[in-house]
């Protein structure tokens, strides 16, 4: 309903944002640069950030940028299952029928990765999201599983993503073998006050807005309430558009943001 009221061609602040329409904040730009570096070097990388920082979106943009004839992307958003569950998932994603024993699965996966890389000239890209929930035994196995030819080469890209305390966990003694193999580490940060305003204008522009819908006081209020986290900005801005439409306000101000923030308990 608010799309018609504000003459928008599509809904802004949604998950359906195209990769080409991403807002180039400092944190997003640095995260994608770190992932591009990992693309060139191959090996393991770590991407962390608070909930709603934009980690998964950055990973999606990176995955979409890869040529499918040169890279095979495998995304695993859950890490609370057993190590065997993970091994089976890897084998299936690599086009293999999983073996029944762990040692056989281990060798099967390594051979499939090497075959993909050497024979088909395709680099397998493993993206493991929400890794802060992974058990230590899971992290230990990663260090072993992705050790090729006595750790002399990296015929793969492995990205570990999760909340900031994943980084702290990797510094524990039992996880240091994995931490020491990380080629890239980047923590995504919140948007600055100016970036929040730019992000709002960008999203509204992508949605087809013909005039400024959020005034300066609204942008400042959103920045203060969201603390610069993109997911919170999206939620608050969307609810503000709904309120603005209901109140027949052509422009959204700080008062409407306050009402939306109260409803969202922000």
C-alpha atoms as a PDB file:
ATOM      1  CA  UNK A   1       0.000   0.000   0.000  1.00  0.00           C
ATOM      2  CA  UNK A   2       2.769   2.479   0.847  1.00  0.00           C
ATOM      3  CA  UNK A   3       4.389   1.823  -2.559  1.00  0.00           C
ATOM      4  CA  UNK A   4       1.421   3.434  -4.285  1.00  0.00           C
ATOM      5  CA  UNK A   5       1.212   6.292  -1.778  1.00  0.00           C
ATOM      6  CA  UNK A   6       4.902   7.174  -2.203  1.00  0.00           C
ATOM      7  CA  UNK A   7       4.933   6.371  -5.955  1.00  0.00           C
ATOM      8  CA  UNK A   8       7.543   3.643  -5.616  1.00  0.00           C
ATOM      9  CA  UNK A   9       8.170   1.061  -8.328  1.00  0.00           C
ATOM     10  CA  UNK A  10       9.111  -1.602  -5.750  1.00  0.00           C
ATOM     11  CA  UNK A  11       9.554  -2.079  -2.045  1.00  0.00           C
ATOM     12  CA  UNK A  12      12.775  -0.660  -0.572  1.00  0.00           C
ATOM     13  CA  UNK A  13      14.709  -2.086   2.395  1.00  0.00           C
ATOM     14  CA  UNK A  14      14.016  -5.745   1.543  1.00  0.00           C
ATOM     15  CA  UNK A  15      16.124  -8.901   1.321  1.00  0.00           C
ATOM     16  CA  UNK A  16      15.414  -9.058  -2.394  1.00  0.00           C
ATOM     17  CA  UNK A  17      17.900  -6.261  -3.159  1.00  0.00           C
ATOM     18  CA  UNK A  18      19.925  -7.133  -6.239  1.00  0.00           C
ATOM     19  CA  UNK A  19      23.649  -7.541  -5.810  1.00  0.00           C
ATOM     20  CA  UNK A  20      24.212  -4.777  -8.364  1.00  0.00           C
ATOM     21  CA  UNK A  21      22.112  -2.395  -6.248  1.00  0.00           C
ATOM     22  CA  UNK A  22      24.184  -2.788  -3.067  1.00  0.00           C
ATOM     23  CA  UNK A  23      25.162   0.330  -1.118  1.00  0.00           C
ATOM     24  CA  UNK A  24      28.933   0.788  -1.001  1.00  0.00           C
ATOM     25  CA  UNK A  25      29.471   1.562   2.684  1.00  0.00           C
ATOM     26  CA  UNK A  26      33.026   1.490   4.005  1.00  0.00           C
ATOM     27  CA  UNK A  27      32.496  -1.828   5.782  1.00  0.00           C
ATOM     28  CA  UNK A  28      30.789  -3.491   2.821  1.00  0.00           C
ATOM     29  CA  UNK A  29      33.491  -2.279   0.417  1.00  0.00           C
ATOM     30  CA  UNK A  30      36.282  -3.528   2.681  1.00  0.00           C
ATOM     31  CA  UNK A  31      34.552  -6.881   3.226  1.00  0.00           C
ATOM     32  CA  UNK A  32      34.151  -7.485  -0.508  1.00  0.00           C
ATOM     33  CA  UNK A  33      37.769  -6.437  -1.076  1.00  0.00           C
ATOM     34  CA  UNK A  34      38.909  -8.977   1.530  1.00  0.00           C
ATOM     35  CA  UNK A  35      36.864 -11.690  -0.183  1.00  0.00           C
ATOM     36  CA  UNK A  36      38.309 -10.721  -3.558  1.00  0.00           C
ATOM     37  CA  UNK A  37      41.800 -11.084  -2.109  1.00  0.00           C
ATOM     38  CA  UNK A  38      40.860 -14.557  -0.871  1.00  0.00           C
ATOM     39  CA  UNK A  39      39.604 -15.369  -4.356  1.00  0.00           C
ATOM     40  CA  UNK A  40      43.076 -14.658  -5.738  1.00  0.00           C
ATOM     41  CA  UNK A  41      45.050 -16.485  -3.050  1.00  0.00           C
ATOM     42  CA  UNK A  42      42.574 -19.314  -2.306  1.00  0.00           C
ATOM     43  CA  UNK A  43      42.590 -20.940   1.127  1.00  0.00           C
ATOM     44  CA  UNK A  44      40.637 -20.015   4.262  1.00  0.00           C
ATOM     45  CA  UNK A  45      39.081 -16.725   5.339  1.00  0.00           C
ATOM     46  CA  UNK A  46      37.014 -15.398   8.244  1.00  0.00           C
ATOM     47  CA  UNK A  47      34.140 -12.894   8.042  1.00  0.00           C
ATOM     48  CA  UNK A  48      32.503 -11.787  11.288  1.00  0.00           C
ATOM     49  CA  UNK A  49      30.035  -9.140  12.408  1.00  0.00           C
ATOM     50  CA  UNK A  50      27.151  -8.423  14.745  1.00  0.00           C
ATOM     51  CA  UNK A  51      23.651  -9.687  13.835  1.00  0.00           C
ATOM     52  CA  UNK A  52      22.299  -7.635  10.945  1.00  0.00           C
ATOM     53  CA  UNK A  53      25.697  -6.263   9.927  1.00  0.00           C
ATOM     54  CA  UNK A  54      25.308  -7.516   6.356  1.00  0.00           C
ATOM     55  CA  UNK A  55      27.598 -10.563   6.419  1.00  0.00           C
ATOM     56  CA  UNK A  56      25.295 -12.862   4.470  1.00  0.00           C
ATOM     57  CA  UNK A  57      24.555 -10.167   1.888  1.00  0.00           C
ATOM     58  CA  UNK A  58      28.294  -9.561   1.381  1.00  0.00           C
ATOM     59  CA  UNK A  59      28.775 -13.300   0.924  1.00  0.00           C
ATOM     60  CA  UNK A  60      25.907 -13.411  -1.579  1.00  0.00           C
ATOM     61  CA  UNK A  61      27.388 -10.534  -3.571  1.00  0.00           C
ATOM     62  CA  UNK A  62      30.744 -12.322  -3.595  1.00  0.00           C
ATOM     63  CA  UNK A  63      29.182 -15.639  -4.650  1.00  0.00           C
ATOM     64  CA  UNK A  64      27.223 -13.969  -7.444  1.00  0.00           C
ATOM     65  CA  UNK A  65      30.409 -12.338  -8.742  1.00  0.00           C
ATOM     66  CA  UNK A  66      32.088 -15.707  -9.340  1.00  0.00           C
ATOM     67  CA  UNK A  67      32.105 -17.173 -12.828  1.00  0.00           C
ATOM     68  CA  UNK A  68      30.177 -20.490 -12.559  1.00  0.00           C
ATOM     69  CA  UNK A  69      32.436 -22.055 -15.164  1.00  0.00           C
ATOM     70  CA  UNK A  70      35.451 -21.417 -12.916  1.00  0.00           C
ATOM     71  CA  UNK A  71      33.976 -21.677  -9.408  1.00  0.00           C
ATOM     72  CA  UNK A  72      31.513 -24.004  -7.705  1.00  0.00           C
ATOM     73  CA  UNK A  73      29.846 -22.337  -4.702  1.00  0.00           C
ATOM     74  CA  UNK A  74      28.533 -24.467  -1.826  1.00  0.00           C
ATOM     75  CA  UNK A  75      26.731 -22.638   0.989  1.00  0.00           C
ATOM     76  CA  UNK A  76      26.100 -24.230   4.379  1.00  0.00           C
ATOM     77  CA  UNK A  77      24.109 -21.943   6.758  1.00  0.00           C
ATOM     78  CA  UNK A  78      23.923 -24.387   9.672  1.00  0.00           C
ATOM     79  CA  UNK A  79      26.749 -25.874  11.700  1.00  0.00           C
ATOM     80  CA  UNK A  80      25.017 -27.477  14.691  1.00  0.00           C
ATOM     81  CA  UNK A  81      24.831 -30.989  13.228  1.00  0.00           C
ATOM     82  CA  UNK A  82      27.414 -33.706  13.702  1.00  0.00           C
ATOM     83  CA  UNK A  83      30.726 -33.772  11.879  1.00  0.00           C
ATOM     84  CA  UNK A  84      29.407 -36.724   9.866  1.00  0.00           C
ATOM     85  CA  UNK A  85      26.367 -34.670   8.818  1.00  0.00           C
ATOM     86  CA  UNK A  86      28.733 -31.972   7.583  1.00  0.00           C
ATOM     87  CA  UNK A  87      30.900 -34.479   5.724  1.00  0.00           C
ATOM     88  CA  UNK A  88      27.861 -35.987   4.021  1.00  0.00           C
ATOM     89  CA  UNK A  89      26.646 -32.531   3.033  1.00  0.00           C
ATOM     90  CA  UNK A  90      30.021 -31.713   1.520  1.00  0.00           C
ATOM     91  CA  UNK A  91      30.138 -34.969  -0.404  1.00  0.00           C
ATOM     92  CA  UNK A  92      26.638 -34.472  -1.809  1.00  0.00           C
ATOM     93  CA  UNK A  93      27.406 -30.861  -2.802  1.00  0.00           C
ATOM     94  CA  UNK A  94      30.484 -32.126  -4.643  1.00  0.00           C
ATOM     95  CA  UNK A  95      28.304 -34.563  -6.572  1.00  0.00           C
ATOM     96  CA  UNK A  96      29.393 -37.633  -4.624  1.00  0.00           C
ATOM     97  CA  UNK A  97      27.407 -40.452  -3.033  1.00  0.00           C
ATOM     98  CA  UNK A  98      28.563 -40.226   0.618  1.00  0.00           C
ATOM     99  CA  UNK A  99      30.564 -43.139   1.983  1.00  0.00           C
ATOM    100  CA  UNK A 100      29.402 -44.674   5.247  1.00  0.00           C
ATOM    101  CA  UNK A 101      32.595 -44.395   7.308  1.00  0.00           C
ATOM    102  CA  UNK A 102      34.199 -41.118   8.363  1.00  0.00           C
ATOM    103  CA  UNK A 103      37.668 -41.982   7.121  1.00  0.00           C
ATOM    104  CA  UNK A 104      36.242 -42.953   3.727  1.00  0.00           C
ATOM    105  CA  UNK A 105      34.196 -39.739   3.571  1.00  0.00           C
ATOM    106  CA  UNK A 106      37.313 -37.734   4.424  1.00  0.00           C
ATOM    107  CA  UNK A 107      39.260 -39.187   1.512  1.00  0.00           C
ATOM    108  CA  UNK A 108      36.246 -39.017  -0.800  1.00  0.00           C
ATOM    109  CA  UNK A 109      35.828 -35.284  -0.202  1.00  0.00           C
ATOM    110  CA  UNK A 110      39.516 -34.524  -0.624  1.00  0.00           C
ATOM    111  CA  UNK A 111      39.672 -36.470  -3.878  1.00  0.00           C
ATOM    112  CA  UNK A 112      36.524 -34.762  -5.172  1.00  0.00           C
ATOM    113  CA  UNK A 113      37.991 -31.325  -4.379  1.00  0.00           C
ATOM    114  CA  UNK A 114      41.288 -32.148  -6.099  1.00  0.00           C
ATOM    115  CA  UNK A 115      39.497 -33.650  -9.100  1.00  0.00           C
ATOM    116  CA  UNK A 116      37.330 -30.548  -9.457  1.00  0.00           C
ATOM    117  CA  UNK A 117      40.336 -28.257  -9.208  1.00  0.00           C
ATOM    118  CA  UNK A 118      42.878 -30.195 -11.302  1.00  0.00           C
ATOM    119  CA  UNK A 119      40.837 -32.014 -13.907  1.00  0.00           C
ATOM    120  CA  UNK A 120      37.923 -29.637 -14.451  1.00  0.00           C
ATOM    121  CA  UNK A 121      39.800 -26.420 -13.566  1.00  0.00           C
ATOM    122  CA  UNK A 122      37.008 -25.385 -11.198  1.00  0.00           C
ATOM    123  CA  UNK A 123      37.758 -23.983  -7.739  1.00  0.00           C
ATOM    124  CA  UNK A 124      35.316 -25.228  -5.088  1.00  0.00           C
ATOM    125  CA  UNK A 125      34.097 -22.421  -2.797  1.00  0.00           C
ATOM    126  CA  UNK A 126      32.733 -23.480   0.592  1.00  0.00           C
ATOM    127  CA  UNK A 127      30.807 -20.848   2.563  1.00  0.00           C
ATOM    128  CA  UNK A 128      30.055 -21.911   6.141  1.00  0.00           C
ATOM    129  CA  UNK A 129      27.685 -19.445   7.816  1.00  0.00           C
ATOM    130  CA  UNK A 130      26.637 -19.122  11.492  1.00  0.00           C
ATOM    131  CA  UNK A 131      29.885 -20.805  12.515  1.00  0.00           C
ATOM    132  CA  UNK A 132      29.783 -19.336  16.013  1.00  0.00           C
ATOM    133  CA  UNK A 133      27.538 -22.317  16.845  1.00  0.00           C
ATOM    134  CA  UNK A 134      30.050 -24.912  15.654  1.00  0.00           C
ATOM    135  CA  UNK A 135      31.500 -27.333  18.182  1.00  0.00           C
ATOM    136  CA  UNK A 136      35.263 -27.459  18.712  1.00  0.00           C
ATOM    137  CA  UNK A 137      35.429 -30.952  17.227  1.00  0.00           C
ATOM    138  CA  UNK A 138      33.874 -29.509  14.076  1.00  0.00           C
ATOM    139  CA  UNK A 139      36.483 -26.736  13.892  1.00  0.00           C
ATOM    140  CA  UNK A 140      39.298 -29.225  14.506  1.00  0.00           C
ATOM    141  CA  UNK A 141      38.108 -31.409  11.649  1.00  0.00           C
ATOM    142  CA  UNK A 142      38.056 -28.444   9.267  1.00  0.00           C
ATOM    143  CA  UNK A 143      41.765 -27.944   9.813  1.00  0.00           C
ATOM    144  CA  UNK A 144      42.408 -31.583   8.923  1.00  0.00           C
ATOM    145  CA  UNK A 145      39.935 -31.916   6.067  1.00  0.00           C
ATOM    146  CA  UNK A 146      41.243 -28.865   4.214  1.00  0.00           C
ATOM    147  CA  UNK A 147      44.898 -29.853   4.468  1.00  0.00           C
ATOM    148  CA  UNK A 148      46.024 -30.857   0.968  1.00  0.00           C
ATOM    149  CA  UNK A 149      49.377 -32.391   0.047  1.00  0.00           C
ATOM    150  CA  UNK A 150      50.923 -31.822   3.481  1.00  0.00           C
ATOM    151  CA  UNK A 151      49.512 -28.265   3.534  1.00  0.00           C
ATOM    152  CA  UNK A 152      51.498 -27.270   0.447  1.00  0.00           C
ATOM    153  CA  UNK A 153      48.554 -25.979  -1.629  1.00  0.00           C
ATOM    154  CA  UNK A 154      44.970 -24.708  -1.461  1.00  0.00           C
ATOM    155  CA  UNK A 155      42.765 -26.114  -4.254  1.00  0.00           C
ATOM    156  CA  UNK A 156      39.719 -24.490  -2.636  1.00  0.00           C
ATOM    157  CA  UNK A 157      38.240 -21.374  -1.022  1.00  0.00           C
ATOM    158  CA  UNK A 158      36.734 -21.807   2.455  1.00  0.00           C
ATOM    159  CA  UNK A 159      34.936 -18.898   4.146  1.00  0.00           C
ATOM    160  CA  UNK A 160      33.921 -19.103   7.797  1.00  0.00           C
ATOM    161  CA  UNK A 161      31.264 -16.543   8.768  1.00  0.00           C
ATOM    162  CA  UNK A 162      29.631 -15.805  12.094  1.00  0.00           C
ATOM    163  CA  UNK A 163      29.212 -13.498  15.077  1.00  0.00           C
ATOM    164  CA  UNK A 164      32.269 -11.691  16.519  1.00  0.00           C
ATOM    165  CA  UNK A 165      32.912 -14.213  19.283  1.00  0.00           C
ATOM    166  CA  UNK A 166      33.741 -16.791  16.597  1.00  0.00           C
ATOM    167  CA  UNK A 167      36.995 -14.873  16.255  1.00  0.00           C
ATOM    168  CA  UNK A 168      37.610 -15.225  19.993  1.00  0.00           C
ATOM    169  CA  UNK A 169      36.889 -18.955  19.883  1.00  0.00           C
ATOM    170  CA  UNK A 170      39.431 -19.436  17.147  1.00  0.00           C
ATOM    171  CA  UNK A 171      42.094 -17.976  19.436  1.00  0.00           C
ATOM    172  CA  UNK A 172      41.642 -20.784  21.971  1.00  0.00           C
ATOM    173  CA  UNK A 173      44.496 -23.289  22.045  1.00  0.00           C
ATOM    174  CA  UNK A 174      42.443 -26.159  20.630  1.00  0.00           C
ATOM    175  CA  UNK A 175      41.408 -24.066  17.613  1.00  0.00           C
ATOM    176  CA  UNK A 176      44.727 -22.391  16.820  1.00  0.00           C
ATOM    177  CA  UNK A 177      45.663 -24.861  14.057  1.00  0.00           C
ATOM    178  CA  UNK A 178      42.629 -23.615  12.136  1.00  0.00           C
ATOM    179  CA  UNK A 179      43.126 -19.949  13.075  1.00  0.00           C
ATOM    180  CA  UNK A 180      46.731 -19.994  11.878  1.00  0.00           C
ATOM    181  CA  UNK A 181      45.629 -21.067   8.406  1.00  0.00           C
ATOM    182  CA  UNK A 182      43.291 -18.116   7.865  1.00  0.00           C
ATOM    183  CA  UNK A 183      44.494 -16.007   4.938  1.00  0.00           C
ATOM    184  CA  UNK A 184      41.940 -13.220   5.513  1.00  0.00           C
ATOM    185  CA  UNK A 185      40.091 -11.906   8.585  1.00  0.00           C
ATOM    186  CA  UNK A 186      37.528  -9.112   8.470  1.00  0.00           C
ATOM    187  CA  UNK A 187      34.941  -7.854  10.937  1.00  0.00           C
ATOM    188  CA  UNK A 188      32.005  -5.902   9.478  1.00  0.00           C
ATOM    189  CA  UNK A 189      31.109  -2.715  11.343  1.00  0.00           C
ATOM    190  CA  UNK A 190      27.971  -0.589  11.595  1.00  0.00           C
ATOM    191  CA  UNK A 191      27.272   2.252   9.171  1.00  0.00           C
ATOM    192  CA  UNK A 192      28.278   5.737  10.261  1.00  0.00           C
ATOM    193  CA  UNK A 193      25.647   8.452  10.705  1.00  0.00           C
ATOM    194  CA  UNK A 194      26.400   9.853   7.250  1.00  0.00           C
ATOM    195  CA  UNK A 195      26.341   6.374   5.730  1.00  0.00           C
ATOM    196  CA  UNK A 196      22.907   5.695   7.250  1.00  0.00           C
ATOM    197  CA  UNK A 197      21.561   8.773   5.468  1.00  0.00           C
ATOM    198  CA  UNK A 198      23.261   7.719   2.242  1.00  0.00           C
ATOM    199  CA  UNK A 199      21.953   4.171   2.615  1.00  0.00           C
ATOM    200  CA  UNK A 200      18.362   5.397   3.040  1.00  0.00           C
ATOM    201  CA  UNK A 201      18.606   7.696   0.011  1.00  0.00           C
ATOM    202  CA  UNK A 202      20.189   4.880  -2.017  1.00  0.00           C
ATOM    203  CA  UNK A 203      17.495   2.359  -1.121  1.00  0.00           C
ATOM    204  CA  UNK A 204      14.699   4.804  -1.887  1.00  0.00           C
ATOM    205  CA  UNK A 205      16.347   5.718  -5.189  1.00  0.00           C
ATOM    206  CA  UNK A 206      16.575   2.047  -6.182  1.00  0.00           C
ATOM    207  CA  UNK A 207      12.879   1.717  -5.296  1.00  0.00           C
ATOM    208  CA  UNK A 208      12.035   4.550  -7.693  1.00  0.00           C
ATOM    209  CA  UNK A 209      11.390   7.448  -5.300  1.00  0.00           C
ATOM    210  CA  UNK A 210      10.958  10.709  -7.203  1.00  0.00           C
ATOM    211  CA  UNK A 211      11.401  13.019  -4.194  1.00  0.00           C
ATOM    212  CA  UNK A 212      12.976  12.812  -0.703  1.00  0.00           C
ATOM    213  CA  UNK A 213      10.576  10.735   1.422  1.00  0.00           C
ATOM    214  CA  UNK A 214      12.667  10.759   4.626  1.00  0.00           C
ATOM    215  CA  UNK A 215      13.616  14.224   5.876  1.00  0.00           C
ATOM    216  CA  UNK A 216      16.903  14.913   7.642  1.00  0.00           C
ATOM    217  CA  UNK A 217      15.409  14.552  11.115  1.00  0.00           C
ATOM    218  CA  UNK A 218      14.057  11.109  10.148  1.00  0.00           C
ATOM    219  CA  UNK A 219      17.461   9.953   8.911  1.00  0.00           C
ATOM    220  CA  UNK A 220      19.111  11.127  12.123  1.00  0.00           C
ATOM    221  CA  UNK A 221      16.458   9.348  14.192  1.00  0.00           C
ATOM    222  CA  UNK A 222      16.948   6.120  12.235  1.00  0.00           C
ATOM    223  CA  UNK A 223      20.720   6.346  12.694  1.00  0.00           C
ATOM    224  CA  UNK A 224      20.314   6.805  16.449  1.00  0.00           C
ATOM    225  CA  UNK A 225      17.737   4.030  16.926  1.00  0.00           C
ATOM    226  CA  UNK A 226      19.419   1.456  14.653  1.00  0.00           C
ATOM    227  CA  UNK A 227      22.980   2.268  15.770  1.00  0.00           C
ATOM    228  CA  UNK A 228      23.896   1.859  12.106  1.00  0.00           C
ATOM    229  CA  UNK A 229      23.113  -1.850  11.681  1.00  0.00           C
ATOM    230  CA  UNK A 230      21.610  -2.439   8.203  1.00  0.00           C
ATOM    231  CA  UNK A 231      18.972  -4.979   9.260  1.00  0.00           C
ATOM    232  CA  UNK A 232      17.630  -2.638  11.949  1.00  0.00           C
ATOM    233  CA  UNK A 233      17.665   0.255   9.493  1.00  0.00           C
ATOM    234  CA  UNK A 234      15.631  -1.827   7.049  1.00  0.00           C
ATOM    235  CA  UNK A 235      13.064  -2.834   9.678  1.00  0.00           C
ATOM    236  CA  UNK A 236      12.675   0.668  11.075  1.00  0.00           C
ATOM    237  CA  UNK A 237      12.494   2.362   7.673  1.00  0.00           C
ATOM    238  CA  UNK A 238       9.883  -0.116   6.414  1.00  0.00           C
ATOM    239  CA  UNK A 239       7.649   0.355   9.468  1.00  0.00           C
ATOM    240  CA  UNK A 240       8.057   4.117   9.120  1.00  0.00           C
ATOM    241  CA  UNK A 241       6.838   3.961   5.526  1.00  0.00           C
ATOM    242  CA  UNK A 242       3.790   2.027   6.687  1.00  0.00           C
ATOM    243  CA  UNK A 243       3.078   4.592   9.416  1.00  0.00           C
ATOM    244  CA  UNK A 244       3.640   7.481   7.035  1.00  0.00           C
ATOM    245  CA  UNK A 245       1.180   6.010   4.566  1.00  0.00           C
ATOM    246  CA  UNK A 246      -1.439   5.438   7.257  1.00  0.00           C
ATOM    247  CA  UNK A 247      -1.042   9.040   8.474  1.00  0.00           C
ATOM    248  CA  UNK A 248      -1.054  10.391   4.895  1.00  0.00           C
ATOM    249  CA  UNK A 249       2.333  12.082   5.400  1.00  0.00           C
ATOM    250  CA  UNK A 250       4.102  12.862   2.145  1.00  0.00           C
ATOM    251  CA  UNK A 251       7.367  13.141   4.030  1.00  0.00           C
ATOM    252  CA  UNK A 252       8.496  11.081   7.008  1.00  0.00           C
ATOM    253  CA  UNK A 253       9.929  12.945   9.985  1.00  0.00           C
ATOM    254  CA  UNK A 254      11.472  12.049  13.341  1.00  0.00           C
ATOM    255  CA  UNK A 255       8.060  11.713  14.997  1.00  0.00           C
ATOM    256  CA  UNK A 256       7.032   8.924  12.642  1.00  0.00           C
ATOM    257  CA  UNK A 257      10.391   7.218  13.242  1.00  0.00           C
ATOM    258  CA  UNK A 258       9.728   7.410  16.990  1.00  0.00           C
ATOM    259  CA  UNK A 259       6.337   5.700  16.580  1.00  0.00           C
ATOM    260  CA  UNK A 260       7.840   2.956  14.434  1.00  0.00           C
ATOM    261  CA  UNK A 261      10.742   2.484  16.868  1.00  0.00           C
ATOM    262  CA  UNK A 262       8.321   2.101  19.789  1.00  0.00           C
ATOM    263  CA  UNK A 263       6.397  -0.589  17.924  1.00  0.00           C
ATOM    264  CA  UNK A 264       9.665  -2.436  17.211  1.00  0.00           C
ATOM    265  CA  UNK A 265      10.855  -1.950  20.806  1.00  0.00           C
ATOM    266  CA  UNK A 266      14.002  -0.224  19.582  1.00  0.00           C
END
